[in-house]
N, C-alpha and C. Protein backbone atom coordinates (compact mmCIF):
# COMPACT_ATOMS: atom_id res chain seq x y z
N MET A 1 10.00 18.43 18.49
CA MET A 1 9.07 18.28 17.34
C MET A 1 8.38 17.27 17.89
N ASN A 2 6.76 17.90 17.90
CA ASN A 2 5.89 16.70 17.79
C ASN A 2 5.37 15.12 17.48
N ALA A 3 6.11 14.37 17.91
CA ALA A 3 6.16 13.20 16.70
C ALA A 3 5.40 12.03 16.37
N LEU A 4 4.11 12.46 17.01
CA LEU A 4 3.21 11.98 16.37
C LEU A 4 2.46 12.33 15.37
N ALA A 5 2.94 14.00 15.17
CA ALA A 5 2.07 14.74 13.67
C ALA A 5 3.63 14.20 12.95
N ASN A 6 4.17 13.17 12.62
CA ASN A 6 5.47 13.33 12.30
C ASN A 6 4.91 12.01 11.40
N ALA A 7 4.82 12.17 10.30
CA ALA A 7 3.93 10.70 9.31
C ALA A 7 5.30 9.82 9.34
N ASP A 8 6.03 9.76 8.63
CA ASP A 8 7.36 9.34 8.78
C ASP A 8 8.00 8.14 10.22
N ILE A 9 7.57 9.26 10.92
CA ILE A 9 7.79 8.69 12.67
C ILE A 9 6.73 7.23 12.56
N ILE A 10 5.90 7.19 12.90
CA ILE A 10 4.90 6.77 12.75
C ILE A 10 4.68 6.14 11.73
N LYS A 11 5.87 5.52 10.60
CA LYS A 11 5.83 4.92 9.71
C LYS A 11 6.98 4.21 9.95
N ALA A 12 8.48 4.74 10.61
CA ALA A 12 9.49 4.08 11.40
C ALA A 12 9.02 3.22 12.37
N LYS A 13 7.74 3.66 13.28
CA LYS A 13 7.19 2.60 14.37
C LYS A 13 6.38 1.59 13.55
N PHE A 14 5.35 1.55 12.97
CA PHE A 14 4.60 1.06 12.25
C PHE A 14 5.43 -0.63 11.59
N ILE A 15 7.04 -0.15 10.79
CA ILE A 15 7.51 -1.41 10.29
C ILE A 15 8.11 -2.31 11.60
N ASP A 16 8.45 -1.29 12.80
CA ASP A 16 8.84 -2.33 14.20
C ASP A 16 7.74 -3.21 14.53
N TYR A 17 6.76 -2.60 14.74
CA TYR A 17 5.92 -3.16 15.10
C TYR A 17 5.30 -4.35 14.34
N VAL A 18 5.41 -4.10 12.44
CA VAL A 18 5.53 -4.81 11.40
C VAL A 18 6.19 -5.90 11.95
N LEU A 19 7.35 -5.59 12.13
CA LEU A 19 8.33 -7.03 12.20
C LEU A 19 8.70 -7.41 13.67
N ASN A 20 8.26 -6.91 14.82
CA ASN A 20 8.33 -7.02 16.31
C ASN A 20 6.92 -8.10 16.80
N GLU A 21 5.87 -7.24 16.06
CA GLU A 21 5.29 -7.89 16.61
C GLU A 21 3.65 -8.74 16.08
N GLY A 22 4.36 -8.87 14.53
CA GLY A 22 3.96 -10.17 13.97
C GLY A 22 2.27 -9.84 13.14
N LEU A 23 2.08 -8.50 12.87
CA LEU A 23 1.00 -8.06 12.49
C LEU A 23 0.80 -9.23 11.84
N PHE A 24 1.63 -9.38 10.52
CA PHE A 24 1.19 -10.40 9.49
C PHE A 24 1.49 -11.96 9.93
N THR A 25 1.18 -12.73 9.47
CA THR A 25 0.91 -14.10 9.87
C THR A 25 3.05 -14.32 9.96
N ASP A 26 3.44 -14.28 8.97
CA ASP A 26 5.41 -14.30 8.48
C ASP A 26 5.87 -12.86 8.27
N PRO A 27 6.33 -12.25 9.19
CA PRO A 27 7.32 -11.28 9.28
C PRO A 27 8.69 -11.24 8.43
N GLU A 28 9.11 -13.02 8.15
CA GLU A 28 10.06 -13.19 7.42
C GLU A 28 10.31 -12.81 6.03
N ASN A 29 8.33 -13.22 5.64
CA ASN A 29 8.46 -13.32 3.78
C ASN A 29 7.18 -11.95 3.62
N LEU A 30 7.75 -10.79 3.60
CA LEU A 30 6.42 -9.95 3.45
C LEU A 30 7.78 -8.63 2.85
N CYS A 31 7.32 -8.05 2.56
CA CYS A 31 8.70 -6.50 2.19
C CYS A 31 6.86 -5.29 1.60
N ILE A 32 8.02 -4.40 2.77
CA ILE A 32 6.94 -2.96 2.75
C ILE A 32 7.91 -1.99 1.65
N GLY A 33 6.51 -1.05 1.89
CA GLY A 33 7.05 -0.40 0.17
C GLY A 33 6.43 1.04 0.38
N GLN A 34 6.59 2.45 0.38
CA GLN A 34 6.18 4.04 1.05
C GLN A 34 5.76 4.57 -0.68
N GLU A 35 4.73 5.27 -0.83
CA GLU A 35 4.93 6.48 -1.83
C GLU A 35 4.70 5.51 -2.48
N VAL A 36 3.30 4.52 -2.85
CA VAL A 36 3.40 3.41 -3.80
C VAL A 36 2.47 3.81 -5.14
N MET A 37 2.81 4.60 -6.35
CA MET A 37 1.83 4.38 -6.71
C MET A 37 0.48 2.88 -7.76
N TYR A 38 -0.43 4.30 -7.71
CA TYR A 38 -1.35 2.56 -8.07
C TYR A 38 -2.35 3.35 -8.49
N GLY A 39 -3.14 2.62 -9.83
CA GLY A 39 -4.28 2.92 -10.21
C GLY A 39 -4.28 3.98 -11.80
N ILE A 40 -5.46 4.54 -11.90
CA ILE A 40 -5.92 4.97 -13.56
C ILE A 40 -5.97 6.37 -12.82
N ASN A 41 -5.54 6.81 -12.13
CA ASN A 41 -5.23 7.92 -11.82
C ASN A 41 -4.41 8.35 -10.92
N LYS A 42 -3.22 7.33 -11.04
CA LYS A 42 -1.83 7.57 -10.21
C LYS A 42 -1.44 7.73 -8.38
N MET A 43 -2.53 7.36 -8.60
CA MET A 43 -2.90 7.71 -6.46
C MET A 43 -1.75 7.11 -6.00
N LEU A 44 -1.32 8.32 -4.74
CA LEU A 44 -0.24 7.34 -3.71
C LEU A 44 -0.44 6.34 -2.50
N ALA A 45 -0.39 5.80 -2.68
CA ALA A 45 -0.44 4.73 -1.16
C ALA A 45 0.91 5.21 -0.46
N ASP A 46 0.09 5.89 0.44
CA ASP A 46 0.86 5.70 1.80
C ASP A 46 1.97 4.69 2.26
N MET A 47 1.56 3.91 2.07
CA MET A 47 2.23 2.57 2.48
C MET A 47 2.34 1.87 1.40
N VAL A 48 2.64 0.00 1.49
CA VAL A 48 2.57 -0.93 1.06
C VAL A 48 2.94 -2.12 1.49
N VAL A 49 2.34 -3.11 1.91
CA VAL A 49 3.05 -4.41 2.96
C VAL A 49 2.59 -5.53 1.73
N ILE A 50 2.80 -5.82 0.93
CA ILE A 50 2.63 -7.45 0.71
C ILE A 50 3.41 -8.47 1.47
N ALA A 51 1.77 -9.18 1.79
CA ALA A 51 2.41 -10.34 2.84
C ALA A 51 1.41 -11.53 2.52
N ASN A 52 1.77 -12.78 2.62
CA ASN A 52 0.61 -14.13 2.42
C ASN A 52 0.51 -14.42 1.24
N ASP A 53 1.33 -13.33 -0.14
CA ASP A 53 0.71 -13.25 -1.19
C ASP A 53 -0.85 -12.36 -1.11
N LYS A 54 -0.31 -11.31 -0.49
CA LYS A 54 -1.40 -10.27 -0.65
C LYS A 54 -0.96 -8.90 -0.54
N LEU A 55 -1.98 -8.37 -1.44
CA LEU A 55 -1.24 -7.06 -0.87
C LEU A 55 -2.53 -5.96 0.57
N TYR A 56 -1.57 -5.37 1.11
CA TYR A 56 -2.10 -4.13 1.90
C TYR A 56 -2.19 -3.44 1.43
N ALA A 57 -2.91 -2.34 1.97
CA ALA A 57 -2.33 -0.57 1.62
C ALA A 57 -2.84 -0.12 3.40
N ILE A 58 -2.13 0.59 3.65
CA ILE A 58 -1.90 1.43 4.41
C ILE A 58 -2.00 3.29 4.90
N GLU A 59 -3.03 3.84 5.17
CA GLU A 59 -3.07 4.73 5.09
C GLU A 59 -2.88 5.26 6.66
N ILE A 60 -1.32 6.09 6.15
CA ILE A 60 -0.91 6.62 7.82
C ILE A 60 -2.17 8.52 8.16
N LYS A 61 -2.14 8.34 9.72
CA LYS A 61 -2.78 9.39 9.36
C LYS A 61 -2.42 10.80 10.84
N ALA A 62 -1.73 11.66 10.62
CA ALA A 62 -0.52 12.18 11.97
C ALA A 62 -2.01 12.78 12.25
N GLN A 63 -0.81 13.27 13.40
CA GLN A 63 -2.23 13.95 14.53
C GLN A 63 -2.54 14.98 14.11
N ASN A 64 -1.94 16.28 13.34
CA ASN A 64 -2.25 16.63 13.03
C ASN A 64 -3.07 17.03 11.35
N ASP A 65 -2.88 15.97 10.90
CA ASP A 65 -3.91 15.03 9.60
C ASP A 65 -5.36 15.85 9.01
N SER A 66 -5.46 15.45 8.11
CA SER A 66 -7.25 15.88 7.89
C SER A 66 -7.98 15.09 7.77
N PHE A 67 -8.73 14.31 8.14
CA PHE A 67 -9.66 13.52 7.63
C PHE A 67 -10.25 14.19 5.98
N LYS A 68 -10.11 14.69 5.45
CA LYS A 68 -11.02 15.67 4.19
C LYS A 68 -10.99 14.35 3.27
N ARG A 69 -10.25 13.50 2.42
CA ARG A 69 -9.88 12.67 1.30
C ARG A 69 -9.76 12.04 2.48
N LEU A 70 -9.73 11.02 2.86
CA LEU A 70 -9.61 10.05 3.64
C LEU A 70 -11.07 9.40 3.09
N GLU A 71 -12.14 9.52 3.54
CA GLU A 71 -12.56 8.39 2.33
C GLU A 71 -12.65 8.08 1.02
N ASN A 72 -13.04 9.01 -0.37
CA ASN A 72 -12.25 8.98 -0.94
C ASN A 72 -11.06 7.47 -1.00
N GLN A 73 -9.91 8.18 -0.51
CA GLN A 73 -8.63 7.38 -0.65
C GLN A 73 -8.66 6.03 -0.10
N LEU A 74 -10.12 5.82 0.50
CA LEU A 74 -10.63 4.82 0.92
C LEU A 74 -10.49 4.12 -0.11
N LEU A 75 -12.06 4.56 -0.77
CA LEU A 75 -12.04 4.24 -2.10
C LEU A 75 -11.18 3.30 -3.22
N ASN A 76 -10.23 4.55 -3.56
CA ASN A 76 -9.28 3.79 -4.08
C ASN A 76 -8.34 2.51 -3.81
N TYR A 77 -7.81 3.00 -2.84
CA TYR A 77 -7.48 1.42 -2.18
C TYR A 77 -7.84 0.34 -2.88
N LYS A 78 -9.68 0.87 -2.00
CA LYS A 78 -10.07 -1.16 -2.69
C LYS A 78 -10.62 -1.23 -3.78
N GLN A 79 -9.55 -0.32 -4.82
CA GLN A 79 -9.86 -0.99 -6.58
C GLN A 79 -8.77 -2.05 -6.80
N ILE A 80 -8.29 -1.98 -5.99
CA ILE A 80 -6.77 -2.96 -6.12
C ILE A 80 -6.46 -3.69 -4.97
N PHE A 81 -6.25 -3.74 -3.75
CA PHE A 81 -5.85 -3.60 -2.08
C PHE A 81 -6.38 -5.00 -2.39
N ASP A 82 -5.69 -6.05 -1.29
CA ASP A 82 -6.27 -6.87 -1.32
C ASP A 82 -7.31 -6.65 0.21
N TYR A 83 -6.60 -6.17 1.23
CA TYR A 83 -7.47 -4.79 2.49
C TYR A 83 -6.49 -3.81 2.64
N VAL A 84 -6.67 -3.06 3.01
CA VAL A 84 -7.11 -1.20 4.02
C VAL A 84 -6.78 -1.41 4.80
N TYR A 85 -5.25 -1.06 6.08
CA TYR A 85 -5.30 -0.61 6.57
C TYR A 85 -5.06 0.74 7.16
N VAL A 86 -5.98 1.62 8.32
CA VAL A 86 -5.56 2.84 8.93
C VAL A 86 -5.32 2.99 9.89
N VAL A 87 -3.95 3.63 10.09
CA VAL A 87 -3.46 4.28 10.72
C VAL A 87 -3.62 5.53 11.19
N VAL A 88 -3.76 5.19 12.78
CA VAL A 88 -4.05 7.05 13.32
C VAL A 88 -3.56 7.03 15.64
N THR A 89 -3.07 8.50 15.22
CA THR A 89 -2.80 9.00 16.16
C THR A 89 -4.32 8.89 17.60
N LYS A 90 -4.64 8.73 18.39
CA LYS A 90 -5.89 9.18 18.94
C LYS A 90 -6.85 9.51 18.90
N ASN A 91 -6.05 11.11 18.42
CA ASN A 91 -6.83 12.20 17.96
C ASN A 91 -8.53 12.10 17.15
N HIS A 92 -8.08 10.91 16.75
CA HIS A 92 -9.14 10.68 15.20
C HIS A 92 -9.17 9.85 15.36
N LEU A 93 -9.83 8.98 16.31
CA LEU A 93 -10.80 8.06 16.75
C LEU A 93 -12.49 8.43 16.22
N ALA A 94 -12.33 9.58 17.15
CA ALA A 94 -14.25 9.75 16.35
C ALA A 94 -13.71 10.24 15.49
N GLY A 95 -13.09 10.89 14.57
CA GLY A 95 -12.82 11.18 12.60
C GLY A 95 -13.70 10.09 12.37
N LEU A 96 -13.15 9.22 12.44
CA LEU A 96 -13.51 7.48 11.47
C LEU A 96 -14.67 6.76 10.87
N GLU A 97 -15.91 7.42 12.71
CA GLU A 97 -17.49 6.71 12.96
C GLU A 97 -17.32 7.97 11.91
N ASN A 98 -17.32 8.73 11.06
CA ASN A 98 -17.84 9.78 10.67
C ASN A 98 -17.82 9.01 8.74
N ILE A 99 -17.16 7.88 8.94
CA ILE A 99 -16.54 7.67 7.23
C ILE A 99 -17.84 6.07 6.99
N SER A 100 -18.48 5.87 6.08
CA SER A 100 -19.90 5.15 5.60
C SER A 100 -19.30 4.06 5.16
N THR A 101 -17.65 3.44 5.77
CA THR A 101 -17.57 2.47 5.10
C THR A 101 -16.87 1.48 6.63
N ASN A 102 -17.17 0.89 6.66
CA ASN A 102 -16.41 -0.22 7.94
C ASN A 102 -15.58 -1.05 8.13
N ASP A 103 -14.76 -2.28 6.58
CA ASP A 103 -14.56 -2.38 5.90
C ASP A 103 -12.55 -2.56 5.96
N PHE A 104 -12.35 -1.47 5.87
CA PHE A 104 -11.18 -1.48 6.51
C PHE A 104 -10.66 -1.28 7.98
N GLY A 105 -9.12 -1.73 8.30
CA GLY A 105 -9.18 -2.26 9.38
C GLY A 105 -8.36 -0.95 10.13
N VAL A 106 -8.27 -0.63 11.14
CA VAL A 106 -7.44 0.17 12.25
C VAL A 106 -6.64 0.33 13.49
N LEU A 107 -5.32 1.01 12.98
CA LEU A 107 -4.61 0.79 14.24
C LEU A 107 -4.42 1.84 14.97
N VAL A 108 -4.39 2.02 16.00
CA VAL A 108 -4.16 3.74 17.13
C VAL A 108 -2.87 3.35 17.12
N ILE A 109 -2.90 4.26 17.42
CA ILE A 109 -0.54 4.35 17.86
C ILE A 109 -1.08 5.66 19.21
N ASP A 110 -0.16 5.50 19.72
CA ASP A 110 -0.57 6.04 21.56
C ASP A 110 0.38 6.83 21.12
N GLU A 111 0.54 7.56 22.73
CA GLU A 111 1.98 9.08 23.05
C GLU A 111 3.71 7.82 23.36
N ASN A 112 3.27 6.79 23.92
CA ASN A 112 4.28 5.51 23.73
C ASN A 112 4.66 5.44 23.01
N PHE A 113 4.16 5.11 21.57
CA PHE A 113 4.53 4.46 20.37
C PHE A 113 3.95 2.82 20.45
N VAL A 114 3.09 2.60 20.96
CA VAL A 114 2.45 1.53 20.81
C VAL A 114 1.04 1.71 20.56
N PHE A 115 0.84 0.51 19.70
CA PHE A 115 -0.03 0.07 18.48
C PHE A 115 -1.54 -1.41 18.84
N ASN A 116 -2.14 -0.31 19.01
CA ASN A 116 -4.03 -1.44 19.07
C ASN A 116 -4.20 -1.45 18.12
N GLN A 117 -4.91 -3.00 17.67
CA GLN A 117 -5.49 -2.83 17.19
C GLN A 117 -6.98 -3.04 16.93
N ILE A 118 -7.72 -2.32 16.78
CA ILE A 118 -8.85 -1.56 17.53
C ILE A 118 -9.66 -2.59 16.50
N ARG A 119 -9.59 -2.85 14.95
CA ARG A 119 -10.70 -3.23 13.90
C ARG A 119 -9.33 -4.23 12.36
N HIS A 120 -10.27 -6.14 12.55
CA HIS A 120 -9.56 -5.99 11.39
C HIS A 120 -9.95 -5.80 10.14
N PRO A 121 -9.21 -5.61 9.46
CA PRO A 121 -10.42 -5.22 7.74
C PRO A 121 -10.78 -6.18 6.83
N LYS A 122 -11.53 -6.28 6.72
CA LYS A 122 -12.52 -6.90 5.60
C LYS A 122 -11.71 -7.02 4.51
N LYS A 123 -11.66 -8.66 3.37
CA LYS A 123 -11.37 -9.22 2.37
C LYS A 123 -12.25 -8.18 1.32
N VAL A 124 -11.56 -7.53 0.45
CA VAL A 124 -11.94 -7.21 0.10
C VAL A 124 -12.17 -7.93 -1.98
N THR A 125 -13.82 -8.13 -2.45
CA THR A 125 -14.18 -9.31 -2.74
C THR A 125 -14.56 -8.90 -4.00
N ARG A 126 -13.49 -7.88 -4.67
CA ARG A 126 -13.87 -7.10 -6.32
C ARG A 126 -13.22 -6.01 -6.02
N ILE A 127 -12.48 -5.92 -7.79
CA ILE A 127 -11.65 -5.18 -7.38
C ILE A 127 -11.73 -3.96 -8.94
N SER A 128 -11.44 -3.44 -9.17
CA SER A 128 -11.33 -2.51 -10.97
C SER A 128 -10.49 -3.39 -11.48
N LYS A 129 -11.01 -3.97 -12.77
CA LYS A 129 -9.42 -4.04 -13.24
C LYS A 129 -8.40 -3.44 -14.33
N GLU A 130 -9.49 -2.23 -15.04
CA GLU A 130 -9.06 -0.84 -15.35
C GLU A 130 -8.00 -0.70 -14.08
N ASP A 131 -8.26 -0.10 -13.16
CA ASP A 131 -7.44 0.26 -12.05
C ASP A 131 -5.91 -1.15 -11.73
N VAL A 132 -6.29 -1.97 -11.72
CA VAL A 132 -5.39 -3.08 -11.88
C VAL A 132 -4.27 -2.72 -13.13
N LEU A 133 -4.58 -2.50 -14.12
CA LEU A 133 -3.93 -2.79 -15.48
C LEU A 133 -3.24 -1.04 -15.89
N GLY A 134 -3.54 -0.49 -15.24
CA GLY A 134 -3.01 1.04 -15.48
C GLY A 134 -2.32 1.14 -14.16
N THR A 135 -1.99 -0.03 -13.32
CA THR A 135 -1.01 0.25 -12.76
C THR A 135 0.22 -0.46 -12.87
N MET A 136 0.34 -1.24 -13.96
CA MET A 136 1.24 -1.87 -14.42
C MET A 136 1.79 -1.04 -15.99
N PRO A 137 2.88 -0.80 -15.86
CA PRO A 137 3.02 -0.18 -16.88
C PRO A 137 3.15 -1.57 -18.28
N ALA A 138 2.36 -0.62 -19.78
CA ALA A 138 2.54 -1.95 -20.84
C ALA A 138 3.88 -2.63 -21.14
N THR A 139 5.18 -2.13 -20.63
CA THR A 139 6.65 -3.08 -20.80
C THR A 139 6.06 -4.23 -20.54
N TYR A 140 5.64 -4.04 -19.29
CA TYR A 140 5.35 -5.59 -18.15
C TYR A 140 4.04 -6.37 -18.12
N LEU A 141 3.21 -5.81 -18.67
CA LEU A 141 1.78 -6.74 -19.18
C LEU A 141 2.57 -7.48 -20.25
N ARG A 142 2.95 -6.68 -21.84
CA ARG A 142 3.29 -6.81 -22.71
C ARG A 142 4.20 -8.50 -22.45
N LYS A 143 5.36 -8.36 -21.91
CA LYS A 143 5.80 -9.41 -21.40
C LYS A 143 5.01 -10.58 -19.90
N CYS A 144 3.93 -10.17 -19.36
CA CYS A 144 3.57 -10.84 -18.23
C CYS A 144 3.05 -11.83 -19.49
N PHE A 145 2.03 -11.18 -20.23
CA PHE A 145 1.02 -11.62 -20.71
C PHE A 145 1.00 -12.41 -22.29
N SER A 146 2.80 -12.61 -22.33
CA SER A 146 2.99 -12.93 -23.73
C SER A 146 2.35 -12.08 -25.40
N ILE A 147 2.64 -10.89 -25.39
CA ILE A 147 2.12 -10.51 -26.38
C ILE A 147 3.01 -9.67 -27.06
N THR A 148 3.11 -10.22 -27.98
CA THR A 148 4.24 -9.65 -28.93
C THR A 148 3.15 -8.93 -30.53
N ALA A 149 1.97 -8.70 -30.34
CA ALA A 149 1.90 -7.37 -31.46
C ALA A 149 1.55 -6.08 -30.79
N LYS A 150 2.04 -5.21 -32.47
CA LYS A 150 2.07 -3.87 -31.68
C LYS A 150 0.85 -3.46 -31.44
N MET A 151 1.40 -3.05 -31.06
CA MET A 151 -0.74 -1.41 -30.34
C MET A 151 -0.29 -1.30 -29.08
N ASP A 152 -0.58 0.26 -28.83
CA ASP A 152 -0.12 0.85 -28.32
C ASP A 152 -0.92 0.67 -26.27
N ALA A 153 -0.06 1.17 -25.80
CA ALA A 153 -1.21 1.00 -24.29
C ALA A 153 -2.44 0.71 -24.32
N ASP A 154 -3.41 1.93 -24.50
CA ASP A 154 -4.19 1.69 -24.75
C ASP A 154 -5.12 0.80 -24.60
N THR A 155 -5.40 0.70 -26.70
CA THR A 155 -5.41 -1.08 -26.50
C THR A 155 -4.77 -2.22 -25.77
N LEU A 156 -4.03 -2.65 -24.82
CA LEU A 156 -3.55 -3.64 -25.13
C LEU A 156 -3.71 -3.52 -23.58
N ARG A 157 -4.21 -2.48 -22.99
CA ARG A 157 -5.02 -2.89 -22.04
C ARG A 157 -6.33 -3.52 -22.07
N ALA A 158 -6.97 -2.76 -22.72
CA ALA A 158 -8.37 -3.07 -23.43
C ALA A 158 -8.70 -4.51 -24.09
N ARG A 159 -7.14 -5.38 -23.96
CA ARG A 159 -7.61 -6.85 -24.71
C ARG A 159 -7.52 -7.57 -23.18
N LEU A 160 -6.48 -6.85 -22.61
CA LEU A 160 -6.13 -7.13 -21.23
C LEU A 160 -7.45 -7.53 -20.37
N MET A 161 -8.32 -6.38 -20.29
CA MET A 161 -9.45 -6.13 -19.50
C MET A 161 -9.93 -7.63 -19.34
N LYS A 162 -10.68 -8.67 -20.61
CA LYS A 162 -10.73 -9.77 -21.42
C LYS A 162 -10.14 -10.79 -20.49
N GLN A 163 -9.06 -10.93 -19.53
CA GLN A 163 -8.74 -11.50 -18.43
C GLN A 163 -9.07 -11.62 -17.38
N SER A 164 -8.65 -12.36 -16.71
CA SER A 164 -10.14 -12.93 -15.67
C SER A 164 -9.09 -12.17 -14.65
N ALA A 165 -9.99 -11.70 -13.13
CA ALA A 165 -9.54 -10.86 -12.41
C ALA A 165 -8.25 -12.02 -11.48
N LEU A 166 -8.87 -13.32 -11.35
CA LEU A 166 -7.23 -13.28 -10.67
C LEU A 166 -6.09 -13.44 -11.13
N LYS A 167 -5.90 -13.77 -12.39
CA LYS A 167 -4.67 -13.64 -13.52
C LYS A 167 -4.02 -12.07 -13.27
N LEU A 168 -4.35 -11.48 -12.92
CA LEU A 168 -4.82 -9.83 -13.27
C LEU A 168 -4.22 -9.23 -11.78
N LYS A 169 -4.59 -9.99 -10.82
CA LYS A 169 -4.54 -10.10 -9.75
C LYS A 169 -3.31 -10.30 -9.27
N THR A 170 -2.33 -11.76 -9.86
CA THR A 170 -1.57 -12.33 -10.27
C THR A 170 -0.13 -11.79 -10.32
N ALA A 171 -0.75 -10.90 -11.60
CA ALA A 171 0.13 -10.31 -12.55
C ALA A 171 0.55 -8.41 -11.78
N LEU A 172 -0.09 -8.26 -10.73
CA LEU A 172 -0.21 -7.48 -10.17
C LEU A 172 0.47 -7.50 -8.77
N LEU A 173 0.29 -8.48 -8.19
CA LEU A 173 1.00 -8.97 -7.10
C LEU A 173 2.88 -9.42 -7.63
N ASN A 174 3.20 -10.17 -8.59
CA ASN A 174 4.85 -9.82 -8.81
C ASN A 174 4.81 -8.83 -9.70
N TYR A 175 4.46 -8.21 -9.46
CA TYR A 175 4.63 -6.92 -10.71
C TYR A 175 5.32 -5.76 -8.72
N MET A 176 4.55 -5.51 -8.49
CA MET A 176 4.15 -4.76 -6.89
C MET A 176 5.51 -5.17 -6.17
N LYS A 177 6.50 -6.89 -5.82
CA LYS A 177 6.48 -7.11 -5.47
C LYS A 177 8.63 -7.00 -6.13
N SER A 178 8.37 -7.03 -7.59
CA SER A 178 9.29 -7.18 -8.04
C SER A 178 10.41 -4.98 -8.19
N LYS A 179 8.87 -4.44 -8.03
CA LYS A 179 9.74 -2.28 -7.55
C LYS A 179 9.77 -2.87 -6.12
N ILE A 180 8.92 -3.02 -5.14
CA ILE A 180 9.08 -2.84 -3.71
C ILE A 180 10.31 -3.42 -2.73
N VAL A 181 10.60 -5.22 -3.05
CA VAL A 181 11.56 -5.28 -1.85
C VAL A 181 13.13 -4.96 -2.62
N TYR A 182 13.54 -4.69 -3.65
CA TYR A 182 14.88 -3.85 -3.79
C TYR A 182 15.35 -2.91 -2.58
N LYS A 183 14.36 -2.21 -2.53
CA LYS A 183 14.34 -0.88 -1.75
C LYS A 183 13.63 -1.32 -0.28
N TYR A 184 13.26 -2.19 -0.65
CA TYR A 184 12.83 -3.23 1.01
C TYR A 184 13.87 -3.67 1.88
N GLU A 185 15.18 -4.20 1.17
CA GLU A 185 16.20 -5.23 1.40
C GLU A 185 17.59 -3.92 1.67
N ASN A 186 17.04 -2.97 0.80
CA ASN A 186 18.48 -2.22 0.94
C ASN A 186 18.19 -1.17 2.86
N PHE A 187 16.50 -0.86 2.75
CA PHE A 187 16.51 -0.54 3.87
C PHE A 187 16.48 -0.95 5.59
N LEU A 188 16.18 -2.74 5.27
CA LEU A 188 15.99 -3.05 6.18
C LEU A 188 18.00 -3.18 6.46
N GLU A 189 18.78 -3.46 5.92
CA GLU A 189 20.54 -3.13 5.87
C GLU A 189 20.54 -1.33 6.79
N GLU A 190 19.70 -0.46 6.11
CA GLU A 190 20.54 0.52 7.11
C GLU A 190 19.79 0.29 8.20
N LYS A 191 18.07 0.29 8.30
CA LYS A 191 17.53 -0.16 9.52
C LYS A 191 18.41 -0.35 11.28
N GLY A 192 18.95 -1.02 11.00
CA GLY A 192 20.01 -1.70 12.15
C GLY A 192 18.63 -2.27 13.57
N THR A 193 19.01 -1.87 14.49
CA THR A 193 17.85 -2.91 15.03
C THR A 193 16.08 -2.36 15.86
N MET A 194 16.57 -0.61 15.03
CA MET A 194 15.30 -0.28 15.31
C MET A 194 15.04 1.05 13.62
N SER A 195 14.13 1.04 13.27
CA SER A 195 14.13 1.89 12.21
C SER A 195 14.13 2.64 12.43
N HIS A 196 14.40 4.04 11.54
CA HIS A 196 15.13 5.99 12.04
C HIS A 196 13.88 6.25 11.12
N TYR A 197 12.87 7.27 11.34
CA TYR A 197 12.87 8.06 10.18
C TYR A 197 13.38 8.69 8.92
N GLU A 198 14.20 9.16 9.45
CA GLU A 198 15.23 9.43 8.08
C GLU A 198 15.54 8.93 7.39
N ASP A 199 14.97 7.31 7.25
CA ASP A 199 15.63 6.00 6.49
C ASP A 199 14.28 5.53 5.76
N ILE A 200 13.56 6.05 5.86
CA ILE A 200 11.88 6.01 5.29
C ILE A 200 11.86 6.14 3.93
N SER A 201 12.98 7.70 3.47
CA SER A 201 12.86 7.89 2.12
C SER A 201 13.34 6.35 1.23
N ILE A 202 13.95 5.63 1.83
CA ILE A 202 14.59 4.58 0.88
C ILE A 202 13.88 3.61 0.43
N LEU A 203 12.02 3.49 1.12
CA LEU A 203 11.44 3.25 -0.12
C LEU A 203 10.85 3.81 -0.28
N SER A 204 10.65 4.74 -0.61
CA SER A 204 9.90 5.87 -1.46
C SER A 204 9.79 4.99 -3.31
N LEU A 205 8.67 4.95 -3.72
CA LEU A 205 9.18 4.66 -5.24
C LEU A 205 8.00 6.04 -5.60
N ARG A 206 8.10 7.15 -5.05
CA ARG A 206 6.98 8.67 -5.85
C ARG A 206 7.85 8.87 -6.76
N ASN A 207 9.18 8.61 -7.26
CA ASN A 207 9.34 9.06 -8.53
C ASN A 207 9.36 8.24 -9.59
N TYR A 208 8.70 7.30 -8.35
CA TYR A 208 8.83 6.18 -10.46
C TYR A 208 7.38 6.41 -10.54
N SER A 209 7.61 6.37 -12.29
CA SER A 209 6.20 6.83 -12.95
C SER A 209 5.82 5.36 -14.25
N ILE A 210 4.95 5.25 -14.05
CA ILE A 210 4.18 4.55 -14.19
C ILE A 210 4.39 5.15 -16.44
N LEU A 211 5.29 4.04 -16.64
CA LEU A 211 5.93 3.30 -18.03
C LEU A 211 4.78 3.30 -18.90
N LYS A 212 4.74 3.99 -20.58
CA LYS A 212 3.50 4.25 -21.22
C LYS A 212 3.59 2.10 -22.53
């Protein structure tokens, strides 16, 4: 098996890199999820890291993956996440030069599973309130913003568009934590001294649907 062609193996190596090498400021106070649904179009983020009260989207491009959708994926990530990283194998480096934006961070993984950060991400300064609200279920939004009036989900989200971006992002951060942290804790209990690619599915939120 070509390990660098397996996204789950890269994800497992990335988790160990985060925990052991301190990519984020405080590896003791973070959580990691994978296949996390977000936005109004119900996209899936390869991985999501919550660290320093910020949301990081991680896009994994294994050795045989295509870049065909990458530009659109990056655009969607920037609708709700604070920072975006792309993790690539060395054969993809040239392809990154064709991406029109350069505000995402780049991590390269080599044949020895060593990561090298060749670009730091820039902070996303403008978000889509619509996508932030579309990530959270209506039941959570009603509770979070203490709304008791009866209205359908679309009307509720339209009303909440008047909230500040900061308040919406705070609600989103807390929501993401509530969904990711328990799976991450289960993963840590299972993983032992090293993360194994067969345990990556524990972190998945693929089957979690946004409730109306």
